[in-house]
Amino acid sequence: MVFALIVAVKMNTEIKFGTERKYMETKIHINFNWILFWQAIFLLLKIENIINWSWVWVFIPLWLPVAIFALIFLVGFIIGAIKG
Protein backbone atom coordinates (compact mmCIF):
# COMPACT_ATOMS: atom_id res chain seq x y z
CA MET A 1 0.00 0.00 0.00
CA VAL A 2 1.28 3.41 -0.85
CA PHE A 3 1.43 5.83 2.04
CA ALA A 4 0.49 9.27 0.82
CA LEU A 5 0.70 12.46 2.80
CA ILE A 6 0.33 15.87 1.32
CA VAL A 7 0.84 18.94 3.41
CA ALA A 8 0.42 22.02 1.33
CA VAL A 9 2.80 24.59 2.71
CA LYS A 10 3.00 27.92 1.04
CA MET A 11 5.80 30.21 2.10
CA ASN A 12 5.86 33.88 1.25
CA THR A 13 8.96 35.83 2.10
CA GLU A 14 8.97 39.59 2.28
CA ILE A 15 11.99 41.79 2.85
CA LYS A 16 11.17 45.06 4.57
CA PHE A 17 13.63 47.88 4.84
CA GLY A 18 13.49 50.02 7.96
CA THR A 19 15.38 53.18 8.66
CA GLU A 20 18.06 51.52 10.77
CA ARG A 21 18.00 47.79 10.11
CA LYS A 22 16.96 45.22 7.59
CA TYR A 23 14.89 42.23 8.59
CA MET A 24 13.14 39.41 6.84
CA GLU A 25 9.61 38.32 7.68
CA THR A 26 8.46 34.86 6.68
CA LYS A 27 4.80 33.96 6.50
CA ILE A 28 3.80 30.31 6.49
CA HIS A 29 0.33 29.22 5.44
CA ILE A 30 -0.89 25.65 5.67
CA ASN A 31 -3.86 24.67 3.59
CA PHE A 32 -6.00 22.88 6.19
CA ASN A 33 -8.35 21.53 3.51
CA TRP A 34 -5.72 19.00 2.44
CA ILE A 35 -4.99 18.07 6.04
CA LEU A 36 -8.66 17.44 6.77
CA PHE A 37 -9.08 15.55 3.50
CA TRP A 38 -6.26 13.11 4.29
CA GLN A 39 -7.39 12.81 7.90
CA ALA A 40 -10.88 11.79 6.76
CA ILE A 41 -9.45 9.28 4.27
CA PHE A 42 -7.18 7.69 6.90
CA LEU A 43 -10.01 7.52 9.45
CA LEU A 44 -12.37 5.87 6.99
CA LEU A 45 -9.74 3.35 5.95
CA LYS A 46 -8.96 2.52 9.59
CA ILE A 47 -12.61 2.23 10.64
CA GLU A 48 -13.39 -0.02 7.66
CA ASN A 49 -10.36 -2.20 8.54
CA ILE A 50 -8.78 -1.64 5.14
CA ILE A 51 -5.54 -0.54 6.77
CA ASN A 52 -4.05 -2.02 9.89
CA TRP A 53 -2.10 0.98 11.11
CA SER A 54 -1.65 2.20 14.64
CA TRP A 55 -3.88 5.13 15.60
CA VAL A 56 -0.76 7.29 15.87
CA TRP A 57 -0.18 6.89 12.13
CA VAL A 58 -3.84 7.40 11.30
CA PHE A 59 -3.69 10.83 12.95
CA ILE A 60 -0.43 11.87 11.25
CA PRO A 61 -2.16 14.56 9.12
CA LEU A 62 -3.06 16.36 12.36
CA TRP A 63 0.15 16.10 14.34
CA LEU A 64 2.66 16.45 11.51
CA PRO A 65 1.97 20.19 10.88
CA VAL A 66 2.15 20.80 14.63
CA ALA A 67 5.52 19.06 14.77
CA ILE A 68 6.78 21.09 11.79
CA PHE A 69 5.71 24.37 13.41
CA ALA A 70 7.31 23.33 16.70
CA LEU A 71 10.56 22.56 14.89
CA ILE A 72 10.51 25.91 13.05
CA PHE A 73 9.78 27.73 16.31
CA LEU A 74 12.58 25.89 18.11
CA VAL A 75 15.11 26.66 15.36
CA GLY A 76 14.06 30.33 15.35
CA PHE A 77 14.33 30.48 19.13
CA ILE A 78 17.83 28.97 19.06
CA ILE A 79 18.99 31.32 16.29
CA GLY A 80 17.55 34.29 18.17
CA ALA A 81 19.29 33.22 21.38
CA ILE A 82 22.63 32.85 19.59
CA LYS A 83 22.40 36.25 17.90
CA GLY A 84 21.37 37.80 21.22
PDB file of N, CA and C in Angstrom:
ATOM      1  N   MET A   1       0.845  -1.176   0.000  1.00  0.00           N
ATOM      2  CA  MET A   1       0.000   0.000   0.000  1.00  0.00           C
ATOM      3  C   MET A   1       0.892   1.242   0.000  1.00  0.00           C
ATOM      4  N   VAL A   2       0.500   2.188  -0.739  1.00  0.00           N
ATOM      5  CA  VAL A   2       1.284   3.412  -0.849  1.00  0.00           C
ATOM      6  C   VAL A   2       0.810   4.394   0.217  1.00  0.00           C
ATOM      7  N   PHE A   3       1.750   4.847   0.995  1.00  0.00           N
ATOM      8  CA  PHE A   3       1.430   5.827   2.038  1.00  0.00           C
ATOM      9  C   PHE A   3       1.555   7.218   1.437  1.00  0.00           C
ATOM     10  N   ALA A   4       0.477   7.942   1.440  1.00  0.00           N
ATOM     11  CA  ALA A   4       0.492   9.266   0.822  1.00  0.00           C
ATOM     12  C   ALA A   4       0.158  10.314   1.862  1.00  0.00           C
ATOM     13  N   LEU A   5       0.947  11.356   1.889  1.00  0.00           N
ATOM     14  CA  LEU A   5       0.701  12.463   2.799  1.00  0.00           C
ATOM     15  C   LEU A   5       1.054  13.743   2.074  1.00  0.00           C
ATOM     16  N   ILE A   6       0.081  14.605   1.977  1.00  0.00           N
ATOM     17  CA  ILE A   6       0.327  15.873   1.315  1.00  0.00           C
ATOM     18  C   ILE A   6       0.034  16.975   2.311  1.00  0.00           C
ATOM     19  N   VAL A   7       1.019  17.755   2.586  1.00  0.00           N
ATOM     20  CA  VAL A   7       0.837  18.943   3.409  1.00  0.00           C
ATOM     21  C   VAL A   7       1.182  20.110   2.514  1.00  0.00           C
ATOM     22  N   ALA A   8       0.196  20.890   2.221  1.00  0.00           N
ATOM     23  CA  ALA A   8       0.417  22.021   1.326  1.00  0.00           C
ATOM     24  C   ALA A   8       0.932  23.199   2.145  1.00  0.00           C
ATOM     25  N   VAL A   9       2.187  23.483   1.990  1.00  0.00           N
ATOM     26  CA  VAL A   9       2.797  24.591   2.713  1.00  0.00           C
ATOM     27  C   VAL A   9       3.194  25.640   1.703  1.00  0.00           C
ATOM     28  N   LYS A  10       2.712  26.819   1.942  1.00  0.00           N
ATOM     29  CA  LYS A  10       3.004  27.919   1.037  1.00  0.00           C
ATOM     30  C   LYS A  10       3.785  28.958   1.826  1.00  0.00           C
ATOM     31  N   MET A  11       4.977  29.245   1.384  1.00  0.00           N
ATOM     32  CA  MET A  11       5.799  30.211   2.099  1.00  0.00           C
ATOM     33  C   MET A  11       5.953  31.473   1.263  1.00  0.00           C
ATOM     34  N   ASN A  12       5.648  32.579   1.875  1.00  0.00           N
ATOM     35  CA  ASN A  12       5.857  33.882   1.253  1.00  0.00           C
ATOM     36  C   ASN A  12       6.918  34.606   2.068  1.00  0.00           C
ATOM     37  N   THR A  13       7.906  35.121   1.402  1.00  0.00           N
ATOM     38  CA  THR A  13       8.964  35.829   2.096  1.00  0.00           C
ATOM     39  C   THR A  13       8.973  37.274   1.628  1.00  0.00           C
ATOM     40  N   GLU A  14       8.911  38.176   2.583  1.00  0.00           N
ATOM     41  CA  GLU A  14       8.968  39.594   2.277  1.00  0.00           C
ATOM     42  C   GLU A  14      10.211  40.169   2.941  1.00  0.00           C
ATOM     43  N   ILE A  15      10.871  41.072   2.258  1.00  0.00           N
ATOM     44  CA  ILE A  15      11.989  41.786   2.854  1.00  0.00           C
ATOM     45  C   ILE A  15      11.558  43.232   3.024  1.00  0.00           C
ATOM     46  N   LYS A  16      11.570  43.690   4.268  1.00  0.00           N
ATOM     47  CA  LYS A  16      11.169  45.057   4.567  1.00  0.00           C
ATOM     48  C   LYS A  16      12.412  45.833   4.984  1.00  0.00           C
ATOM     49  N   PHE A  17      12.495  47.048   4.527  1.00  0.00           N
ATOM     50  CA  PHE A  17      13.634  47.880   4.844  1.00  0.00           C
ATOM     51  C   PHE A  17      13.192  48.984   5.794  1.00  0.00           C
ATOM     52  N   GLY A  18      13.761  48.978   6.977  1.00  0.00           N
ATOM     53  CA  GLY A  18      13.485  50.018   7.964  1.00  0.00           C
ATOM     54  C   GLY A  18      14.518  51.113   7.844  1.00  0.00           C
ATOM     55  N   THR A  19      14.428  52.088   8.725  1.00  0.00           N
ATOM     56  CA  THR A  19      15.379  53.184   8.664  1.00  0.00           C
ATOM     57  C   THR A  19      16.748  52.777   9.194  1.00  0.00           C
ATOM     58  N   GLU A  20      16.780  51.868  10.176  1.00  0.00           N
ATOM     59  CA  GLU A  20      18.056  51.518  10.772  1.00  0.00           C
ATOM     60  C   GLU A  20      18.508  50.091  10.483  1.00  0.00           C
ATOM     61  N   ARG A  21      17.575  49.168  10.336  1.00  0.00           N
ATOM     62  CA  ARG A  21      17.996  47.787  10.112  1.00  0.00           C
ATOM     63  C   ARG A  21      17.129  47.098   9.067  1.00  0.00           C
ATOM     64  N   LYS A  22      17.675  46.040   8.561  1.00  0.00           N
ATOM     65  CA  LYS A  22      16.957  45.223   7.587  1.00  0.00           C
ATOM     66  C   LYS A  22      16.533  43.939   8.289  1.00  0.00           C
ATOM     67  N   TYR A  23      15.341  43.495   8.013  1.00  0.00           N
ATOM     68  CA  TYR A  23      14.892  42.234   8.588  1.00  0.00           C
ATOM     69  C   TYR A  23      14.016  41.512   7.580  1.00  0.00           C
ATOM     70  N   MET A  24      13.928  40.225   7.739  1.00  0.00           N
ATOM     71  CA  MET A  24      13.136  39.407   6.837  1.00  0.00           C
ATOM     72  C   MET A  24      11.975  38.805   7.618  1.00  0.00           C
ATOM     73  N   GLU A  25      10.804  38.887   7.061  1.00  0.00           N
ATOM     74  CA  GLU A  25       9.607  38.324   7.679  1.00  0.00           C
ATOM     75  C   GLU A  25       9.127  37.175   6.802  1.00  0.00           C
ATOM     76  N   THR A  26       8.918  36.029   7.413  1.00  0.00           N
ATOM     77  CA  THR A  26       8.462  34.857   6.678  1.00  0.00           C
ATOM     78  C   THR A  26       7.066  34.495   7.147  1.00  0.00           C
ATOM     79  N   LYS A  27       6.165  34.360   6.192  1.00  0.00           N
ATOM     80  CA  LYS A  27       4.798  33.959   6.505  1.00  0.00           C
ATOM     81  C   LYS A  27       4.597  32.535   6.005  1.00  0.00           C
ATOM     82  N   ILE A  28       4.055  31.696   6.859  1.00  0.00           N
ATOM     83  CA  ILE A  28       3.804  30.307   6.486  1.00  0.00           C
ATOM     84  C   ILE A  28       2.308  30.061   6.563  1.00  0.00           C
ATOM     85  N   HIS A  29       1.764  29.513   5.497  1.00  0.00           N
ATOM     86  CA  HIS A  29       0.331  29.223   5.440  1.00  0.00           C
ATOM     87  C   HIS A  29       0.157  27.747   5.112  1.00  0.00           C
ATOM     88  N   ILE A  30      -0.607  27.055   5.946  1.00  0.00           N
ATOM     89  CA  ILE A  30      -0.886  25.652   5.674  1.00  0.00           C
ATOM     90  C   ILE A  30      -2.330  25.548   5.203  1.00  0.00           C
ATOM     91  N   ASN A  31      -2.523  24.873   4.122  1.00  0.00           N
ATOM     92  CA  ASN A  31      -3.857  24.666   3.590  1.00  0.00           C
ATOM     93  C   ASN A  31      -4.518  23.534   4.370  1.00  0.00           C
ATOM     94  N   PHE A  32      -5.398  23.887   5.317  1.00  0.00           N
ATOM     95  CA  PHE A  32      -6.003  22.883   6.189  1.00  0.00           C
ATOM     96  C   PHE A  32      -7.006  21.992   5.456  1.00  0.00           C
ATOM     97  N   ASN A  33      -7.437  22.395   4.263  1.00  0.00           N
ATOM     98  CA  ASN A  33      -8.352  21.534   3.514  1.00  0.00           C
ATOM     99  C   ASN A  33      -7.690  20.203   3.167  1.00  0.00           C
ATOM    100  N   TRP A  34      -6.425  20.235   2.763  1.00  0.00           N
ATOM    101  CA  TRP A  34      -5.717  19.003   2.442  1.00  0.00           C
ATOM    102  C   TRP A  34      -5.496  18.150   3.684  1.00  0.00           C
ATOM    103  N   ILE A  35      -5.192  18.808   4.787  1.00  0.00           N
ATOM    104  CA  ILE A  35      -4.988  18.066   6.039  1.00  0.00           C
ATOM    105  C   ILE A  35      -6.270  17.351   6.443  1.00  0.00           C
ATOM    106  N   LEU A  36      -7.380  18.054   6.400  1.00  0.00           N
ATOM    107  CA  LEU A  36      -8.663  17.443   6.772  1.00  0.00           C
ATOM    108  C   LEU A  36      -9.076  16.354   5.786  1.00  0.00           C
ATOM    109  N   PHE A  37      -8.773  16.555   4.514  1.00  0.00           N
ATOM    110  CA  PHE A  37      -9.079  15.551   3.504  1.00  0.00           C
ATOM    111  C   PHE A  37      -8.352  14.242   3.816  1.00  0.00           C
ATOM    112  N   TRP A  38      -7.031  14.323   4.018  1.00  0.00           N
ATOM    113  CA  TRP A  38      -6.257  13.113   4.291  1.00  0.00           C
ATOM    114  C   TRP A  38      -6.625  12.501   5.639  1.00  0.00           C
ATOM    115  N   GLN A  39      -6.968  13.346   6.613  1.00  0.00           N
ATOM    116  CA  GLN A  39      -7.392  12.809   7.901  1.00  0.00           C
ATOM    117  C   GLN A  39      -8.679  12.008   7.751  1.00  0.00           C
ATOM    118  N   ALA A  40      -9.626  12.513   6.986  1.00  0.00           N
ATOM    119  CA  ALA A  40     -10.884  11.790   6.762  1.00  0.00           C
ATOM    120  C   ALA A  40     -10.637  10.474   6.019  1.00  0.00           C
ATOM    121  N   ILE A  41      -9.769  10.502   5.019  1.00  0.00           N
ATOM    122  CA  ILE A  41      -9.448   9.279   4.274  1.00  0.00           C
ATOM    123  C   ILE A  41      -8.838   8.234   5.199  1.00  0.00           C
ATOM    124  N   PHE A  42      -7.838   8.639   5.996  1.00  0.00           N
ATOM    125  CA  PHE A  42      -7.179   7.687   6.902  1.00  0.00           C
ATOM    126  C   PHE A  42      -8.152   7.133   7.936  1.00  0.00           C
ATOM    127  N   LEU A  43      -9.027   7.991   8.466  1.00  0.00           N
ATOM    128  CA  LEU A  43     -10.009   7.521   9.450  1.00  0.00           C
ATOM    129  C   LEU A  43     -10.969   6.507   8.835  1.00  0.00           C
ATOM    130  N   LEU A  44     -11.457   6.804   7.653  1.00  0.00           N
ATOM    131  CA  LEU A  44     -12.366   5.869   6.987  1.00  0.00           C
ATOM    132  C   LEU A  44     -11.693   4.533   6.688  1.00  0.00           C
ATOM    133  N   LEU A  45     -10.457   4.585   6.229  1.00  0.00           N
ATOM    134  CA  LEU A  45      -9.735   3.346   5.947  1.00  0.00           C
ATOM    135  C   LEU A  45      -9.490   2.537   7.224  1.00  0.00           C
ATOM    136  N   LYS A  46      -9.197   3.212   8.318  1.00  0.00           N
ATOM    137  CA  LYS A  46      -8.958   2.516   9.587  1.00  0.00           C
ATOM    138  C   LYS A  46     -10.259   1.935  10.140  1.00  0.00           C
ATOM    139  N   ILE A  47     -11.332   2.698  10.098  1.00  0.00           N
ATOM    140  CA  ILE A  47     -12.613   2.228  10.636  1.00  0.00           C
ATOM    141  C   ILE A  47     -13.146   1.051   9.825  1.00  0.00           C
ATOM    142  N   GLU A  48     -12.931   1.068   8.518  1.00  0.00           N
ATOM    143  CA  GLU A  48     -13.388  -0.021   7.658  1.00  0.00           C
ATOM    144  C   GLU A  48     -12.419  -1.206   7.636  1.00  0.00           C
ATOM    145  N   ASN A  49     -11.377  -1.142   8.441  1.00  0.00           N
ATOM    146  CA  ASN A  49     -10.360  -2.197   8.541  1.00  0.00           C
ATOM    147  C   ASN A  49      -9.663  -2.498   7.210  1.00  0.00           C
ATOM    148  N   ILE A  50      -9.514  -1.486   6.385  1.00  0.00           N
ATOM    149  CA  ILE A  50      -8.779  -1.639   5.139  1.00  0.00           C
ATOM    150  C   ILE A  50      -7.280  -1.512   5.408  1.00  0.00           C
ATOM    151  N   ILE A  51      -6.932  -0.672   6.347  1.00  0.00           N
ATOM    152  CA  ILE A  51      -5.536  -0.542   6.766  1.00  0.00           C
ATOM    153  C   ILE A  51      -5.427  -1.016   8.207  1.00  0.00           C
ATOM    154  N   ASN A  52      -4.271  -1.506   8.552  1.00  0.00           N
ATOM    155  CA  ASN A  52      -4.047  -2.024   9.892  1.00  0.00           C
ATOM    156  C   ASN A  52      -2.947  -1.213  10.577  1.00  0.00           C
ATOM    157  N   TRP A  53      -3.082   0.096  10.530  1.00  0.00           N
ATOM    158  CA  TRP A  53      -2.095   0.982  11.110  1.00  0.00           C
ATOM    159  C   TRP A  53      -2.427   1.253  12.560  1.00  0.00           C
ATOM    160  N   SER A  54      -1.430   1.702  13.289  1.00  0.00           N
ATOM    161  CA  SER A  54      -1.651   2.204  14.640  1.00  0.00           C
ATOM    162  C   SER A  54      -2.409   3.537  14.541  1.00  0.00           C
ATOM    163  N   TRP A  55      -3.133   3.877  15.610  1.00  0.00           N
ATOM    164  CA  TRP A  55      -3.880   5.134  15.603  1.00  0.00           C
ATOM    165  C   TRP A  55      -2.957   6.344  15.523  1.00  0.00           C
ATOM    166  N   VAL A  56      -1.728   6.196  15.977  1.00  0.00           N
ATOM    167  CA  VAL A  56      -0.762   7.291  15.873  1.00  0.00           C
ATOM    168  C   VAL A  56      -0.532   7.653  14.410  1.00  0.00           C
ATOM    169  N   TRP A  57      -0.408   6.635  13.544  1.00  0.00           N
ATOM    170  CA  TRP A  57      -0.175   6.895  12.131  1.00  0.00           C
ATOM    171  C   TRP A  57      -1.436   7.344  11.415  1.00  0.00           C
ATOM    172  N   VAL A  58      -2.585   6.954  11.912  1.00  0.00           N
ATOM    173  CA  VAL A  58      -3.842   7.403  11.302  1.00  0.00           C
ATOM    174  C   VAL A  58      -4.014   8.910  11.504  1.00  0.00           C
ATOM    175  N   PHE A  59      -3.546   9.407  12.648  1.00  0.00           N
ATOM    176  CA  PHE A  59      -3.693  10.833  12.945  1.00  0.00           C
ATOM    177  C   PHE A  59      -2.478  11.660  12.537  1.00  0.00           C
ATOM    178  N   ILE A  60      -1.609  11.120  11.692  1.00  0.00           N
ATOM    179  CA  ILE A  60      -0.428  11.866  11.249  1.00  0.00           C
ATOM    180  C   ILE A  60      -0.770  13.169  10.517  1.00  0.00           C
ATOM    181  N   PRO A  61      -1.861  13.258   9.750  1.00  0.00           N
ATOM    182  CA  PRO A  61      -2.158  14.556   9.120  1.00  0.00           C
ATOM    183  C   PRO A  61      -2.424  15.667  10.133  1.00  0.00           C
ATOM    184  N   LEU A  62      -2.807  15.331  11.352  1.00  0.00           N
ATOM    185  CA  LEU A  62      -3.059  16.359  12.356  1.00  0.00           C
ATOM    186  C   LEU A  62      -1.808  16.739  13.135  1.00  0.00           C
ATOM    187  N   TRP A  63      -0.994  15.760  13.499  1.00  0.00           N
ATOM    188  CA  TRP A  63       0.151  16.100  14.339  1.00  0.00           C
ATOM    189  C   TRP A  63       1.398  16.459  13.556  1.00  0.00           C
ATOM    190  N   LEU A  64       1.477  16.104  12.290  1.00  0.00           N
ATOM    191  CA  LEU A  64       2.661  16.449  11.511  1.00  0.00           C
ATOM    192  C   LEU A  64       2.831  17.970  11.329  1.00  0.00           C
ATOM    193  N   PRO A  65       1.797  18.729  10.971  1.00  0.00           N
ATOM    194  CA  PRO A  65       1.975  20.191  10.877  1.00  0.00           C
ATOM    195  C   PRO A  65       2.351  20.815  12.221  1.00  0.00           C
ATOM    196  N   VAL A  66       1.805  20.289  13.309  1.00  0.00           N
ATOM    197  CA  VAL A  66       2.152  20.803  14.633  1.00  0.00           C
ATOM    198  C   VAL A  66       3.629  20.555  14.918  1.00  0.00           C
ATOM    199  N   ALA A  67       4.115  19.381  14.563  1.00  0.00           N
ATOM    200  CA  ALA A  67       5.525  19.061  14.767  1.00  0.00           C
ATOM    201  C   ALA A  67       6.417  19.944  13.902  1.00  0.00           C
ATOM    202  N   ILE A  68       5.998  20.225  12.674  1.00  0.00           N
ATOM    203  CA  ILE A  68       6.784  21.092  11.790  1.00  0.00           C
ATOM    204  C   ILE A  68       6.857  22.503  12.353  1.00  0.00           C
ATOM    205  N   PHE A  69       5.715  23.032  12.812  1.00  0.00           N
ATOM    206  CA  PHE A  69       5.709  24.367  13.408  1.00  0.00           C
ATOM    207  C   PHE A  69       6.562  24.415  14.673  1.00  0.00           C
ATOM    208  N   ALA A  70       6.500  23.374  15.488  1.00  0.00           N
ATOM    209  CA  ALA A  70       7.315  23.329  16.704  1.00  0.00           C
ATOM    210  C   ALA A  70       8.795  23.335  16.353  1.00  0.00           C
ATOM    211  N   LEU A  71       9.171  22.598  15.318  1.00  0.00           N
ATOM    212  CA  LEU A  71      10.563  22.558  14.886  1.00  0.00           C
ATOM    213  C   LEU A  71      11.018  23.929  14.368  1.00  0.00           C
ATOM    214  N   ILE A  72      10.178  24.581  13.564  1.00  0.00           N
ATOM    215  CA  ILE A  72      10.509  25.913  13.046  1.00  0.00           C
ATOM    216  C   ILE A  72      10.646  26.905  14.196  1.00  0.00           C
ATOM    217  N   PHE A  73       9.729  26.839  15.163  1.00  0.00           N
ATOM    218  CA  PHE A  73       9.782  27.734  16.313  1.00  0.00           C
ATOM    219  C   PHE A  73      11.053  27.496  17.122  1.00  0.00           C
ATOM    220  N   LEU A  74      11.397  26.232  17.338  1.00  0.00           N
ATOM    221  CA  LEU A  74      12.585  25.889  18.106  1.00  0.00           C
ATOM    222  C   LEU A  74      13.856  26.377  17.411  1.00  0.00           C
ATOM    223  N   VAL A  75      13.947  26.179  16.111  1.00  0.00           N
ATOM    224  CA  VAL A  75      15.110  26.662  15.360  1.00  0.00           C
ATOM    225  C   VAL A  75      15.196  28.188  15.417  1.00  0.00           C
ATOM    226  N   GLY A  76      14.065  28.860  15.254  1.00  0.00           N
ATOM    227  CA  GLY A  76      14.062  30.330  15.348  1.00  0.00           C
ATOM    228  C   GLY A  76      14.457  30.814  16.734  1.00  0.00           C
ATOM    229  N   PHE A  77      13.996  30.117  17.759  1.00  0.00           N
ATOM    230  CA  PHE A  77      14.331  30.480  19.126  1.00  0.00           C
ATOM    231  C   PHE A  77      15.822  30.305  19.374  1.00  0.00           C
ATOM    232  N   ILE A  78      16.398  29.213  18.882  1.00  0.00           N
ATOM    233  CA  ILE A  78      17.828  28.966  19.061  1.00  0.00           C
ATOM    234  C   ILE A  78      18.655  29.995  18.307  1.00  0.00           C
ATOM    235  N   ILE A  79      18.263  30.302  17.073  1.00  0.00           N
ATOM    236  CA  ILE A  79      18.991  31.319  16.291  1.00  0.00           C
ATOM    237  C   ILE A  79      18.899  32.683  16.963  1.00  0.00           C
ATOM    238  N   GLY A  80      17.708  33.013  17.475  1.00  0.00           N
ATOM    239  CA  GLY A  80      17.550  34.285  18.175  1.00  0.00           C
ATOM    240  C   GLY A  80      18.378  34.352  19.448  1.00  0.00           C
ATOM    241  N   ALA A  81      18.494  33.242  20.155  1.00  0.00           N
ATOM    242  CA  ALA A  81      19.289  33.224  21.379  1.00  0.00           C
ATOM    243  C   ALA A  81      20.779  33.340  21.065  1.00  0.00           C
ATOM    244  N   ILE A  82      21.211  32.758  19.962  1.00  0.00           N
ATOM    245  CA  ILE A  82      22.626  32.846  19.595  1.00  0.00           C
ATOM    246  C   ILE A  82      22.998  34.262  19.159  1.00  0.00           C
ATOM    247  N   LYS A  83      22.113  34.889  18.371  1.00  0.00           N
ATOM    248  CA  LYS A  83      22.396  36.246  17.896  1.00  0.00           C
ATOM    249  C   LYS A  83      22.280  37.273  19.013  1.00  0.00           C
ATOM    250  N   GLY A  84      21.487  36.951  20.032  1.00  0.00           N
ATOM    251  CA  GLY A  84      21.374  37.803  21.224  1.00  0.00           C
ATOM    252  C   GLY A  84      20.471  38.934  20.989  1.00  0.00           C
TER     253      GLY A  84
END
